[in-house]
Structures are given as C-alpha cells and as structure tokens.
Amino acid sequence: MHLLHSARGPDQAGPNLVIELAQYWSTTELKPSQEIVFIGIRIDRAKLTQLLDSALLTDAEMAQGERAWLAYPDPLPAWGVTHSHTH
C-alpha cells in the first residue's frame, strides 16, 4: 500500500464534490481509480498504515475467491437503526 504524504493542491481538502461524466475517462490517458484521503491533526501514520494493511486480503485469501470471502466473519458491528428522525 502506498500513502500519499503531500497534498496536491488546495482542492484536496475542500467541501466540493466534482462528478465527471464517464465519457471523460475515454478522452484522457488517466486510468480511473479510487483514492482515500485522511485529513487530521497528529495522525499516527504508522498506526494508520498498520490498520489499513491489516484490512487487505493475503495472496492466499485472494486465491480462495468470493465464495470463501463470503464465509469470513464480519469484524464490523451489525448495522441497525440507532435513531429516527421525525419531520
């Protein structure tokens, strides 16, 4: 895993969301990708890297395929409605 350690510009931390049409990708040499950005004060980079790395599948787990993955225990708590809104 590679972590970016420098921002590429002021737009990286702003509240704006830009949605490009799929056609955009066919007119550029850029490959579509995903990016996750952590912004904070005193982020423990080593701990963050360790946590993210621990979430990755090993080569052996990847080779097992989706059927095996579905049998893995879910480490996240069950999702449920914790509150409701009334209008």
N, C-alpha and C. Protein backbone atom coordinates (compact mmCIF):
# COMPACT_ATOMS: atom_id res chain seq x y z
N MET A 1 0.84 -1.17 0.00
CA MET A 1 0.00 0.00 0.00
C MET A 1 0.88 1.22 0.00
N HIS A 2 0.46 2.23 -0.70
CA HIS A 2 1.22 3.47 -0.77
C HIS A 2 0.37 4.58 -0.16
N LEU A 3 0.97 5.36 0.71
CA LEU A 3 0.28 6.50 1.29
C LEU A 3 0.84 7.78 0.69
N LEU A 4 -0.04 8.67 0.28
CA LEU A 4 0.41 9.97 -0.17
C LEU A 4 0.75 10.80 1.06
N HIS A 5 1.84 11.50 1.01
CA HIS A 5 2.22 12.29 2.17
C HIS A 5 2.29 13.76 1.86
N SER A 6 1.81 14.16 0.72
CA SER A 6 1.74 15.59 0.43
C SER A 6 0.49 15.86 -0.38
N ALA A 7 -0.16 16.95 -0.07
CA ALA A 7 -1.36 17.33 -0.79
C ALA A 7 -0.98 17.87 -2.16
N ARG A 8 -1.84 17.69 -3.13
CA ARG A 8 -1.56 18.16 -4.47
C ARG A 8 -2.14 19.54 -4.73
N GLY A 9 -2.82 20.11 -3.80
CA GLY A 9 -3.37 21.44 -4.00
C GLY A 9 -4.49 21.71 -3.03
N PRO A 10 -4.96 22.94 -2.98
CA PRO A 10 -5.99 23.32 -2.01
C PRO A 10 -7.31 22.60 -2.25
N ASP A 11 -7.56 22.11 -3.46
CA ASP A 11 -8.81 21.42 -3.73
C ASP A 11 -8.90 20.07 -3.04
N GLN A 12 -7.80 19.55 -2.51
CA GLN A 12 -7.80 18.23 -1.90
C GLN A 12 -8.54 18.20 -0.56
N ALA A 13 -8.71 19.33 0.10
CA ALA A 13 -9.34 19.33 1.41
C ALA A 13 -10.65 20.10 1.43
N GLY A 14 -11.13 20.52 0.28
CA GLY A 14 -12.33 21.34 0.23
C GLY A 14 -13.61 20.54 0.27
N PRO A 15 -14.74 21.23 0.45
CA PRO A 15 -16.03 20.56 0.57
C PRO A 15 -16.67 20.25 -0.78
N ASN A 16 -15.99 20.55 -1.87
CA ASN A 16 -16.58 20.39 -3.20
C ASN A 16 -16.48 18.97 -3.70
N LEU A 17 -17.53 18.51 -4.33
CA LEU A 17 -17.54 17.21 -4.97
C LEU A 17 -17.77 17.45 -6.45
N VAL A 18 -16.85 16.96 -7.26
CA VAL A 18 -16.97 17.13 -8.70
C VAL A 18 -17.25 15.76 -9.30
N ILE A 19 -18.32 15.67 -10.05
CA ILE A 19 -18.68 14.42 -10.70
C ILE A 19 -18.48 14.60 -12.19
N GLU A 20 -17.58 13.79 -12.74
CA GLU A 20 -17.29 13.85 -14.16
C GLU A 20 -18.08 12.77 -14.88
N LEU A 21 -18.51 13.06 -16.07
CA LEU A 21 -19.20 12.07 -16.88
C LEU A 21 -18.24 10.95 -17.25
N ALA A 22 -18.77 9.75 -17.43
CA ALA A 22 -17.94 8.61 -17.79
C ALA A 22 -17.18 8.86 -19.08
N GLN A 23 -17.75 9.64 -19.98
CA GLN A 23 -17.10 9.95 -21.25
C GLN A 23 -15.73 10.59 -21.02
N TYR A 24 -15.56 11.33 -19.93
CA TYR A 24 -14.29 11.99 -19.63
C TYR A 24 -13.14 11.00 -19.65
N TRP A 25 -13.34 9.82 -19.09
CA TRP A 25 -12.25 8.85 -18.98
C TRP A 25 -11.82 8.32 -20.34
N SER A 26 -12.70 8.32 -21.32
CA SER A 26 -12.32 7.82 -22.63
C SER A 26 -11.53 8.85 -23.43
N THR A 27 -11.46 10.08 -22.95
CA THR A 27 -10.74 11.13 -23.66
C THR A 27 -9.45 11.53 -22.96
N THR A 28 -9.00 10.73 -22.02
CA THR A 28 -7.78 11.05 -21.29
C THR A 28 -6.92 9.81 -21.16
N GLU A 29 -5.66 10.01 -20.90
CA GLU A 29 -4.77 8.88 -20.66
C GLU A 29 -4.81 8.42 -19.21
N LEU A 30 -5.50 9.17 -18.36
CA LEU A 30 -5.62 8.79 -16.95
C LEU A 30 -6.48 7.55 -16.82
N LYS A 31 -6.09 6.67 -15.93
CA LYS A 31 -6.89 5.48 -15.66
C LYS A 31 -7.83 5.79 -14.50
N PRO A 32 -9.09 5.37 -14.59
CA PRO A 32 -9.99 5.55 -13.45
C PRO A 32 -9.41 4.88 -12.22
N SER A 33 -9.57 5.51 -11.08
CA SER A 33 -9.01 4.95 -9.85
C SER A 33 -9.82 5.44 -8.66
N GLN A 34 -9.44 4.94 -7.50
CA GLN A 34 -10.05 5.37 -6.25
C GLN A 34 -8.96 5.91 -5.36
N GLU A 35 -9.33 6.80 -4.48
CA GLU A 35 -8.37 7.42 -3.58
C GLU A 35 -9.04 7.64 -2.24
N ILE A 36 -8.31 7.43 -1.20
CA ILE A 36 -8.82 7.72 0.14
C ILE A 36 -7.86 8.71 0.77
N VAL A 37 -8.41 9.73 1.40
CA VAL A 37 -7.60 10.80 1.97
C VAL A 37 -7.94 10.93 3.45
N PHE A 38 -6.92 11.01 4.27
CA PHE A 38 -7.10 11.23 5.70
C PHE A 38 -6.57 12.62 6.02
N ILE A 39 -7.41 13.43 6.61
CA ILE A 39 -7.02 14.78 6.99
C ILE A 39 -7.22 14.90 8.49
N GLY A 40 -6.20 15.31 9.17
CA GLY A 40 -6.33 15.45 10.62
C GLY A 40 -5.06 16.00 11.24
N ILE A 41 -5.13 16.17 12.52
CA ILE A 41 -4.00 16.68 13.29
C ILE A 41 -3.39 15.52 14.06
N ARG A 42 -2.07 15.40 13.98
CA ARG A 42 -1.32 14.36 14.69
C ARG A 42 -1.81 12.95 14.36
N ILE A 43 -2.06 12.69 13.09
CA ILE A 43 -2.43 11.34 12.67
C ILE A 43 -1.20 10.45 12.81
N ASP A 44 -1.37 9.33 13.45
CA ASP A 44 -0.28 8.37 13.63
C ASP A 44 -0.15 7.58 12.34
N ARG A 45 0.76 8.00 11.48
CA ARG A 45 0.89 7.40 10.16
C ARG A 45 1.23 5.92 10.23
N ALA A 46 2.12 5.55 11.13
CA ALA A 46 2.49 4.14 11.26
C ALA A 46 1.29 3.30 11.67
N LYS A 47 0.52 3.77 12.63
CA LYS A 47 -0.66 3.03 13.11
C LYS A 47 -1.72 2.96 12.01
N LEU A 48 -1.93 4.07 11.31
CA LEU A 48 -2.89 4.09 10.22
C LEU A 48 -2.49 3.10 9.13
N THR A 49 -1.23 3.09 8.78
CA THR A 49 -0.73 2.16 7.77
C THR A 49 -0.94 0.72 8.22
N GLN A 50 -0.64 0.43 9.48
CA GLN A 50 -0.81 -0.92 10.02
C GLN A 50 -2.28 -1.33 9.97
N LEU A 51 -3.17 -0.44 10.35
CA LEU A 51 -4.60 -0.76 10.33
C LEU A 51 -5.11 -1.01 8.92
N LEU A 52 -4.71 -0.17 7.99
CA LEU A 52 -5.14 -0.36 6.61
C LEU A 52 -4.55 -1.63 6.00
N ASP A 53 -3.27 -1.88 6.27
CA ASP A 53 -2.64 -3.09 5.76
C ASP A 53 -3.31 -4.35 6.32
N SER A 54 -3.75 -4.29 7.57
CA SER A 54 -4.39 -5.46 8.18
C SER A 54 -5.75 -5.76 7.56
N ALA A 55 -6.33 -4.79 6.87
CA ALA A 55 -7.62 -4.99 6.23
C ALA A 55 -7.50 -5.64 4.84
N LEU A 56 -6.29 -5.72 4.33
CA LEU A 56 -6.09 -6.30 3.00
C LEU A 56 -6.09 -7.82 3.05
N LEU A 57 -6.57 -8.44 1.98
CA LEU A 57 -6.50 -9.89 1.88
C LEU A 57 -5.08 -10.31 1.53
N THR A 58 -4.67 -11.44 2.04
CA THR A 58 -3.38 -12.01 1.67
C THR A 58 -3.50 -12.62 0.28
N ASP A 59 -2.38 -12.99 -0.32
CA ASP A 59 -2.42 -13.65 -1.63
C ASP A 59 -3.20 -14.95 -1.55
N ALA A 60 -3.02 -15.69 -0.46
CA ALA A 60 -3.74 -16.96 -0.29
C ALA A 60 -5.24 -16.72 -0.18
N GLU A 61 -5.64 -15.69 0.56
CA GLU A 61 -7.06 -15.36 0.69
C GLU A 61 -7.65 -14.91 -0.64
N MET A 62 -6.88 -14.14 -1.40
CA MET A 62 -7.35 -13.71 -2.73
C MET A 62 -7.59 -14.92 -3.62
N ALA A 63 -6.70 -15.88 -3.55
CA ALA A 63 -6.80 -17.07 -4.39
C ALA A 63 -8.04 -17.90 -4.05
N GLN A 64 -8.55 -17.81 -2.82
CA GLN A 64 -9.71 -18.59 -2.42
C GLN A 64 -10.98 -18.16 -3.15
N GLY A 65 -11.08 -16.90 -3.49
CA GLY A 65 -12.22 -16.41 -4.25
C GLY A 65 -13.40 -15.96 -3.42
N GLU A 66 -14.38 -15.42 -4.11
CA GLU A 66 -15.53 -14.78 -3.48
C GLU A 66 -16.34 -15.72 -2.58
N ARG A 67 -16.50 -16.95 -2.99
CA ARG A 67 -17.29 -17.88 -2.17
C ARG A 67 -16.68 -18.00 -0.77
N ALA A 68 -15.36 -18.12 -0.69
CA ALA A 68 -14.68 -18.21 0.61
C ALA A 68 -14.80 -16.88 1.37
N TRP A 69 -14.68 -15.79 0.63
CA TRP A 69 -14.73 -14.47 1.29
C TRP A 69 -16.07 -14.26 1.99
N LEU A 70 -17.14 -14.74 1.38
CA LEU A 70 -18.47 -14.56 1.98
C LEU A 70 -18.61 -15.29 3.31
N ALA A 71 -17.76 -16.28 3.54
CA ALA A 71 -17.81 -17.03 4.79
C ALA A 71 -16.95 -16.40 5.88
N TYR A 72 -16.15 -15.39 5.53
CA TYR A 72 -15.30 -14.74 6.53
C TYR A 72 -16.17 -14.00 7.55
N PRO A 73 -15.75 -13.98 8.81
CA PRO A 73 -16.51 -13.22 9.80
C PRO A 73 -16.42 -11.72 9.51
N ASP A 74 -17.49 -11.02 9.77
CA ASP A 74 -17.53 -9.57 9.57
C ASP A 74 -17.08 -8.89 10.85
N PRO A 75 -15.95 -8.19 10.83
CA PRO A 75 -15.45 -7.57 12.06
C PRO A 75 -16.20 -6.30 12.45
N LEU A 76 -17.07 -5.82 11.58
CA LEU A 76 -17.80 -4.59 11.88
C LEU A 76 -19.07 -4.91 12.65
N PRO A 77 -19.51 -3.97 13.48
CA PRO A 77 -20.75 -4.21 14.22
C PRO A 77 -21.94 -4.27 13.26
N ALA A 78 -22.99 -4.96 13.68
CA ALA A 78 -24.19 -5.06 12.86
C ALA A 78 -24.79 -3.67 12.65
N TRP A 79 -25.27 -3.44 11.45
CA TRP A 79 -25.89 -2.17 11.15
C TRP A 79 -27.35 -2.23 11.59
N GLY A 80 -27.79 -1.18 12.18
CA GLY A 80 -29.18 -1.10 12.60
C GLY A 80 -29.58 0.35 12.76
N VAL A 81 -30.83 0.57 12.91
CA VAL A 81 -31.31 1.93 13.10
C VAL A 81 -31.06 2.30 14.55
N THR A 82 -30.21 3.29 14.75
CA THR A 82 -29.89 3.71 16.12
C THR A 82 -30.74 4.89 16.56
N HIS A 83 -31.33 5.57 15.59
CA HIS A 83 -32.21 6.68 15.90
C HIS A 83 -33.10 6.94 14.70
N SER A 84 -34.14 7.68 14.90
CA SER A 84 -35.01 8.01 13.79
C SER A 84 -35.30 9.51 13.81
N HIS A 85 -35.64 10.02 12.65
CA HIS A 85 -35.97 11.43 12.54
C HIS A 85 -37.46 11.59 12.33
N THR A 86 -38.00 12.61 12.92
CA THR A 86 -39.41 12.93 12.67
C THR A 86 -39.45 14.33 12.08
N HIS A 87 -40.31 14.46 11.12
CA HIS A 87 -40.44 15.78 10.44
C HIS A 87 -41.81 16.31 10.57
